[in-house]
Amino acid sequence: MVKFRSNRKEVIRRMREANKRMLTAVGMAGSSHVKQKIQEKDLIDTGALLNSIDHQVDENSVYVGSKLISEDYPIYLEKETATIKGKSYLRPGIMDNLSNLRSVAERNYKL
C-alpha cells in the first residue's frame, strides 16, 4: 500500500512568506532609490518630502511613495503644475533602477 502525505499547506505558507520577504526588500530598496533621486534633484527644503518616502506591502504588491497626505506638494513635484516645474523623483527613482530591484527580488525570494 502506498501512502500519500500532502505538504501543500506548508508549501503555500512558505511561498507566501517568501513573497512577503521579497516585496518588503524591493520596497525598502525602491524607497532608497527614490530618496536618492530627491537628493540628486536638490528637492530638500525642509526634509518633509525626503522623510515621507516609504513603502507599503500587501499580499501581491509593493507601493512606494510619499506619506504626506495633507499636502499636494509631492504630486506637484512629480507631475508639474502651472507654477511648479515638474521635478519627477518617484518614477525615475524606480524606473532607472529596475535591474537593481530585480536583483533584490531574486536574492530575497527564498523558500
N, C-alpha and C. Protein backbone atom coordinates (compact mmCIF):
# COMPACT_ATOMS: atom_id res chain seq x y z
N MET A 1 0.84 -1.18 0.00
CA MET A 1 0.00 0.00 0.00
C MET A 1 0.89 1.25 0.00
N VAL A 2 0.51 2.20 -0.79
CA VAL A 2 1.25 3.45 -0.90
C VAL A 2 0.51 4.51 -0.11
N LYS A 3 1.26 5.22 0.72
CA LYS A 3 0.65 6.31 1.50
C LYS A 3 1.10 7.63 0.89
N PHE A 4 0.18 8.55 0.87
CA PHE A 4 0.43 9.87 0.31
C PHE A 4 0.24 10.91 1.40
N ARG A 5 1.22 11.77 1.52
CA ARG A 5 1.13 12.86 2.50
C ARG A 5 1.31 14.17 1.77
N SER A 6 0.34 15.02 1.85
CA SER A 6 0.38 16.31 1.15
C SER A 6 1.11 17.35 2.00
N ASN A 7 2.02 18.06 1.37
CA ASN A 7 2.72 19.18 2.01
C ASN A 7 2.22 20.51 1.45
N ARG A 8 1.07 20.45 0.83
CA ARG A 8 0.51 21.62 0.16
C ARG A 8 0.42 22.85 1.07
N LYS A 9 -0.12 22.68 2.26
CA LYS A 9 -0.29 23.82 3.18
C LYS A 9 1.06 24.43 3.55
N GLU A 10 2.04 23.60 3.80
CA GLU A 10 3.37 24.08 4.16
C GLU A 10 4.03 24.81 2.99
N VAL A 11 3.87 24.27 1.80
CA VAL A 11 4.44 24.90 0.60
C VAL A 11 3.79 26.27 0.37
N ILE A 12 2.49 26.34 0.49
CA ILE A 12 1.79 27.62 0.31
C ILE A 12 2.22 28.62 1.37
N ARG A 13 2.35 28.17 2.61
CA ARG A 13 2.79 29.06 3.69
C ARG A 13 4.18 29.62 3.39
N ARG A 14 5.08 28.75 2.98
CA ARG A 14 6.45 29.19 2.69
C ARG A 14 6.50 30.12 1.48
N MET A 15 5.68 29.86 0.49
CA MET A 15 5.65 30.74 -0.68
C MET A 15 5.14 32.13 -0.30
N ARG A 16 4.14 32.17 0.55
CA ARG A 16 3.61 33.48 1.00
C ARG A 16 4.66 34.24 1.81
N GLU A 17 5.37 33.53 2.68
CA GLU A 17 6.42 34.17 3.47
C GLU A 17 7.54 34.68 2.57
N ALA A 18 7.94 33.88 1.59
CA ALA A 18 8.99 34.29 0.65
C ALA A 18 8.55 35.49 -0.16
N ASN A 19 7.30 35.50 -0.58
CA ASN A 19 6.77 36.62 -1.35
C ASN A 19 6.76 37.90 -0.53
N LYS A 20 6.33 37.81 0.71
CA LYS A 20 6.29 38.98 1.58
C LYS A 20 7.71 39.50 1.86
N ARG A 21 8.64 38.58 2.09
CA ARG A 21 10.04 38.96 2.33
C ARG A 21 10.62 39.66 1.10
N MET A 22 10.32 39.13 -0.08
CA MET A 22 10.81 39.71 -1.33
C MET A 22 10.20 41.09 -1.57
N LEU A 23 8.89 41.22 -1.39
CA LEU A 23 8.23 42.51 -1.61
C LEU A 23 8.73 43.56 -0.62
N THR A 24 8.95 43.18 0.61
CA THR A 24 9.47 44.11 1.61
C THR A 24 10.86 44.60 1.22
N ALA A 25 11.71 43.68 0.77
CA ALA A 25 13.07 44.06 0.35
C ALA A 25 13.03 44.98 -0.86
N VAL A 26 12.16 44.70 -1.82
CA VAL A 26 12.03 45.55 -3.00
C VAL A 26 11.50 46.93 -2.60
N GLY A 27 10.55 46.97 -1.68
CA GLY A 27 10.02 48.25 -1.20
C GLY A 27 11.07 49.09 -0.50
N MET A 28 11.88 48.44 0.32
CA MET A 28 12.95 49.17 1.01
C MET A 28 13.96 49.71 0.00
N ALA A 29 14.34 48.89 -0.97
CA ALA A 29 15.30 49.32 -1.98
C ALA A 29 14.70 50.43 -2.85
N GLY A 30 13.44 50.27 -3.23
CA GLY A 30 12.77 51.29 -4.04
C GLY A 30 12.68 52.62 -3.31
N SER A 31 12.34 52.58 -2.03
CA SER A 31 12.28 53.81 -1.23
C SER A 31 13.65 54.48 -1.18
N SER A 32 14.68 53.69 -1.04
CA SER A 32 16.04 54.22 -1.00
C SER A 32 16.41 54.89 -2.33
N HIS A 33 16.05 54.27 -3.45
CA HIS A 33 16.34 54.86 -4.76
C HIS A 33 15.58 56.17 -4.96
N VAL A 34 14.34 56.22 -4.52
CA VAL A 34 13.53 57.44 -4.65
C VAL A 34 14.14 58.56 -3.79
N LYS A 35 14.55 58.23 -2.57
CA LYS A 35 15.18 59.22 -1.70
C LYS A 35 16.47 59.75 -2.33
N GLN A 36 17.20 58.87 -2.98
CA GLN A 36 18.43 59.30 -3.66
C GLN A 36 18.11 60.28 -4.79
N LYS A 37 17.04 60.04 -5.54
CA LYS A 37 16.63 60.97 -6.61
C LYS A 37 16.24 62.32 -6.04
N ILE A 38 15.56 62.32 -4.90
CA ILE A 38 15.17 63.58 -4.25
C ILE A 38 16.42 64.38 -3.91
N GLN A 39 17.43 63.70 -3.40
CA GLN A 39 18.68 64.38 -3.05
C GLN A 39 19.42 64.85 -4.29
N GLU A 40 19.46 64.03 -5.33
CA GLU A 40 20.14 64.40 -6.58
C GLU A 40 19.50 65.62 -7.22
N LYS A 41 18.19 65.71 -7.16
CA LYS A 41 17.47 66.82 -7.78
C LYS A 41 17.36 68.02 -6.85
N ASP A 42 18.00 67.94 -5.70
CA ASP A 42 18.03 69.03 -4.72
C ASP A 42 16.62 69.51 -4.38
N LEU A 43 15.76 68.57 -4.03
CA LEU A 43 14.37 68.87 -3.68
C LEU A 43 14.16 68.97 -2.18
N ILE A 44 15.24 69.13 -1.43
CA ILE A 44 15.13 69.15 0.03
C ILE A 44 15.05 70.59 0.52
N ASP A 45 13.86 70.99 0.94
CA ASP A 45 13.69 72.30 1.57
C ASP A 45 13.67 72.11 3.08
N THR A 46 12.66 71.38 3.53
CA THR A 46 12.52 71.14 4.97
C THR A 46 12.85 69.70 5.34
N GLY A 47 12.97 68.85 4.35
CA GLY A 47 13.20 67.42 4.61
C GLY A 47 11.92 66.64 4.73
N ALA A 48 10.78 67.35 4.66
CA ALA A 48 9.49 66.67 4.83
C ALA A 48 9.26 65.63 3.73
N LEU A 49 9.55 66.00 2.49
CA LEU A 49 9.35 65.06 1.39
C LEU A 49 10.27 63.85 1.54
N LEU A 50 11.53 64.11 1.79
CA LEU A 50 12.50 63.03 1.93
C LEU A 50 12.09 62.07 3.05
N ASN A 51 11.68 62.63 4.17
CA ASN A 51 11.30 61.81 5.32
C ASN A 51 9.96 61.11 5.15
N SER A 52 9.18 61.55 4.17
CA SER A 52 7.85 60.94 3.97
C SER A 52 7.88 59.75 3.02
N ILE A 53 8.98 59.50 2.36
CA ILE A 53 9.06 58.40 1.40
C ILE A 53 9.13 57.06 2.15
N ASP A 54 8.22 56.18 1.79
CA ASP A 54 8.14 54.89 2.46
C ASP A 54 7.52 53.88 1.49
N HIS A 55 7.40 52.67 1.94
CA HIS A 55 6.78 51.62 1.13
C HIS A 55 5.72 50.91 1.95
N GLN A 56 4.80 50.29 1.24
CA GLN A 56 3.75 49.51 1.87
C GLN A 56 3.57 48.23 1.07
N VAL A 57 3.45 47.13 1.77
CA VAL A 57 3.33 45.82 1.13
C VAL A 57 1.95 45.25 1.40
N ASP A 58 1.31 44.73 0.35
CA ASP A 58 0.11 43.92 0.58
C ASP A 58 0.42 42.52 0.07
N GLU A 59 -0.56 41.72 -0.13
CA GLU A 59 -0.32 40.30 -0.43
C GLU A 59 0.51 40.08 -1.70
N ASN A 60 0.27 40.88 -2.75
CA ASN A 60 0.95 40.64 -4.02
C ASN A 60 1.62 41.87 -4.61
N SER A 61 1.68 42.97 -3.89
CA SER A 61 2.21 44.21 -4.44
C SER A 61 2.99 44.98 -3.40
N VAL A 62 3.84 45.87 -3.92
CA VAL A 62 4.53 46.81 -3.04
C VAL A 62 4.31 48.21 -3.63
N TYR A 63 4.06 49.16 -2.78
CA TYR A 63 3.82 50.54 -3.19
C TYR A 63 4.89 51.42 -2.56
N VAL A 64 5.48 52.29 -3.36
CA VAL A 64 6.49 53.23 -2.87
C VAL A 64 5.96 54.62 -3.16
N GLY A 65 6.04 55.50 -2.16
CA GLY A 65 5.57 56.86 -2.37
C GLY A 65 5.68 57.68 -1.10
N SER A 66 5.06 58.84 -1.15
CA SER A 66 5.09 59.77 -0.04
C SER A 66 3.92 59.52 0.90
N LYS A 67 4.17 59.65 2.19
CA LYS A 67 3.12 59.52 3.21
C LYS A 67 2.50 60.87 3.54
N LEU A 68 2.90 61.93 2.83
CA LEU A 68 2.33 63.25 3.09
C LEU A 68 0.91 63.31 2.53
N ILE A 69 -0.07 63.07 3.37
CA ILE A 69 -1.45 63.03 2.89
C ILE A 69 -2.15 64.39 3.00
N SER A 70 -1.61 65.29 3.78
CA SER A 70 -2.26 66.58 3.94
C SER A 70 -1.71 67.62 2.96
N GLU A 71 -0.76 67.23 2.13
CA GLU A 71 -0.16 68.17 1.19
C GLU A 71 -0.17 67.60 -0.22
N ASP A 72 -0.30 68.49 -1.19
CA ASP A 72 -0.25 68.09 -2.59
C ASP A 72 1.15 68.24 -3.17
N TYR A 73 2.08 68.77 -2.38
CA TYR A 73 3.44 69.06 -2.81
C TYR A 73 4.12 67.88 -3.52
N PRO A 74 4.07 66.67 -2.97
CA PRO A 74 4.73 65.55 -3.66
C PRO A 74 4.17 65.30 -5.06
N ILE A 75 2.86 65.45 -5.21
CA ILE A 75 2.22 65.25 -6.51
C ILE A 75 2.62 66.35 -7.47
N TYR A 76 2.63 67.59 -7.00
CA TYR A 76 3.02 68.71 -7.85
C TYR A 76 4.45 68.57 -8.36
N LEU A 77 5.34 68.14 -7.50
CA LEU A 77 6.72 67.95 -7.93
C LEU A 77 6.83 66.84 -8.96
N GLU A 78 6.13 65.78 -8.73
CA GLU A 78 6.21 64.63 -9.64
C GLU A 78 5.59 64.93 -11.00
N LYS A 79 4.47 65.62 -11.00
CA LYS A 79 3.71 65.79 -12.24
C LYS A 79 3.86 67.16 -12.92
N GLU A 80 3.99 68.22 -12.20
CA GLU A 80 4.12 69.58 -12.71
C GLU A 80 2.78 70.32 -12.68
N THR A 81 2.85 71.60 -12.33
CA THR A 81 1.69 72.48 -12.37
C THR A 81 2.09 73.74 -13.12
N ALA A 82 1.18 74.70 -13.18
CA ALA A 82 1.48 75.96 -13.87
C ALA A 82 2.59 76.72 -13.16
N THR A 83 2.66 76.61 -11.84
CA THR A 83 3.65 77.36 -11.07
C THR A 83 4.87 76.54 -10.66
N ILE A 84 4.73 75.22 -10.65
CA ILE A 84 5.86 74.37 -10.24
C ILE A 84 6.27 73.50 -11.42
N LYS A 85 7.49 73.70 -11.88
CA LYS A 85 8.01 72.85 -12.95
C LYS A 85 8.23 71.45 -12.40
N GLY A 86 7.86 70.45 -13.16
CA GLY A 86 8.00 69.07 -12.72
C GLY A 86 9.44 68.68 -12.48
N LYS A 87 9.67 68.11 -11.35
CA LYS A 87 11.00 67.60 -11.00
C LYS A 87 10.79 66.16 -10.55
N SER A 88 10.34 65.37 -11.49
CA SER A 88 9.97 63.99 -11.20
C SER A 88 11.07 63.27 -10.42
N TYR A 89 10.69 62.65 -9.36
CA TYR A 89 11.63 61.93 -8.50
C TYR A 89 11.19 60.48 -8.29
N LEU A 90 9.89 60.26 -8.29
CA LEU A 90 9.36 58.94 -7.98
C LEU A 90 9.55 57.97 -9.15
N ARG A 91 9.05 58.35 -10.30
CA ARG A 91 9.16 57.47 -11.47
C ARG A 91 10.61 57.17 -11.84
N PRO A 92 11.49 58.19 -11.96
CA PRO A 92 12.88 57.86 -12.28
C PRO A 92 13.58 57.09 -11.17
N GLY A 93 13.20 57.34 -9.93
CA GLY A 93 13.80 56.61 -8.82
C GLY A 93 13.57 55.12 -8.93
N ILE A 94 12.41 54.74 -9.44
CA ILE A 94 12.08 53.33 -9.62
C ILE A 94 12.55 52.84 -10.99
N MET A 95 12.15 53.52 -12.05
CA MET A 95 12.41 53.04 -13.41
C MET A 95 13.90 53.00 -13.76
N ASP A 96 14.68 53.92 -13.24
CA ASP A 96 16.12 53.92 -13.52
C ASP A 96 16.87 52.82 -12.78
N ASN A 97 16.18 52.14 -11.87
CA ASN A 97 16.83 51.13 -11.04
C ASN A 97 16.15 49.77 -11.13
N LEU A 98 15.48 49.50 -12.23
CA LEU A 98 14.75 48.24 -12.37
C LEU A 98 15.66 47.02 -12.27
N SER A 99 16.83 47.08 -12.86
CA SER A 99 17.70 45.90 -12.81
C SER A 99 18.14 45.63 -11.37
N ASN A 100 18.42 46.69 -10.61
CA ASN A 100 18.78 46.51 -9.21
C ASN A 100 17.61 45.94 -8.42
N LEU A 101 16.41 46.46 -8.65
CA LEU A 101 15.23 45.98 -7.94
C LEU A 101 14.95 44.52 -8.29
N ARG A 102 15.18 44.15 -9.55
CA ARG A 102 15.01 42.75 -9.95
C ARG A 102 16.00 41.86 -9.21
N SER A 103 17.24 42.32 -9.08
CA SER A 103 18.25 41.55 -8.34
C SER A 103 17.87 41.41 -6.87
N VAL A 104 17.36 42.48 -6.28
CA VAL A 104 16.91 42.44 -4.88
C VAL A 104 15.79 41.41 -4.74
N ALA A 105 14.86 41.41 -5.68
CA ALA A 105 13.75 40.45 -5.64
C ALA A 105 14.26 39.02 -5.73
N GLU A 106 15.17 38.78 -6.65
CA GLU A 106 15.70 37.42 -6.83
C GLU A 106 16.47 36.93 -5.60
N ARG A 107 17.24 37.83 -5.00
CA ARG A 107 18.03 37.44 -3.81
C ARG A 107 17.16 37.16 -2.61
N ASN A 108 16.00 37.80 -2.53
CA ASN A 108 15.18 37.71 -1.32
C ASN A 108 14.00 36.76 -1.43
N TYR A 109 13.79 36.15 -2.58
CA TYR A 109 12.70 35.17 -2.70
C TYR A 109 13.30 33.79 -2.47
N LYS A 110 13.27 33.37 -1.22
CA LYS A 110 13.80 32.07 -0.84
C LYS A 110 12.75 31.30 -0.06
N LEU A 111 12.56 30.06 -0.46
CA LEU A 111 11.56 29.23 0.24
C LEU A 111 12.12 28.63 1.48
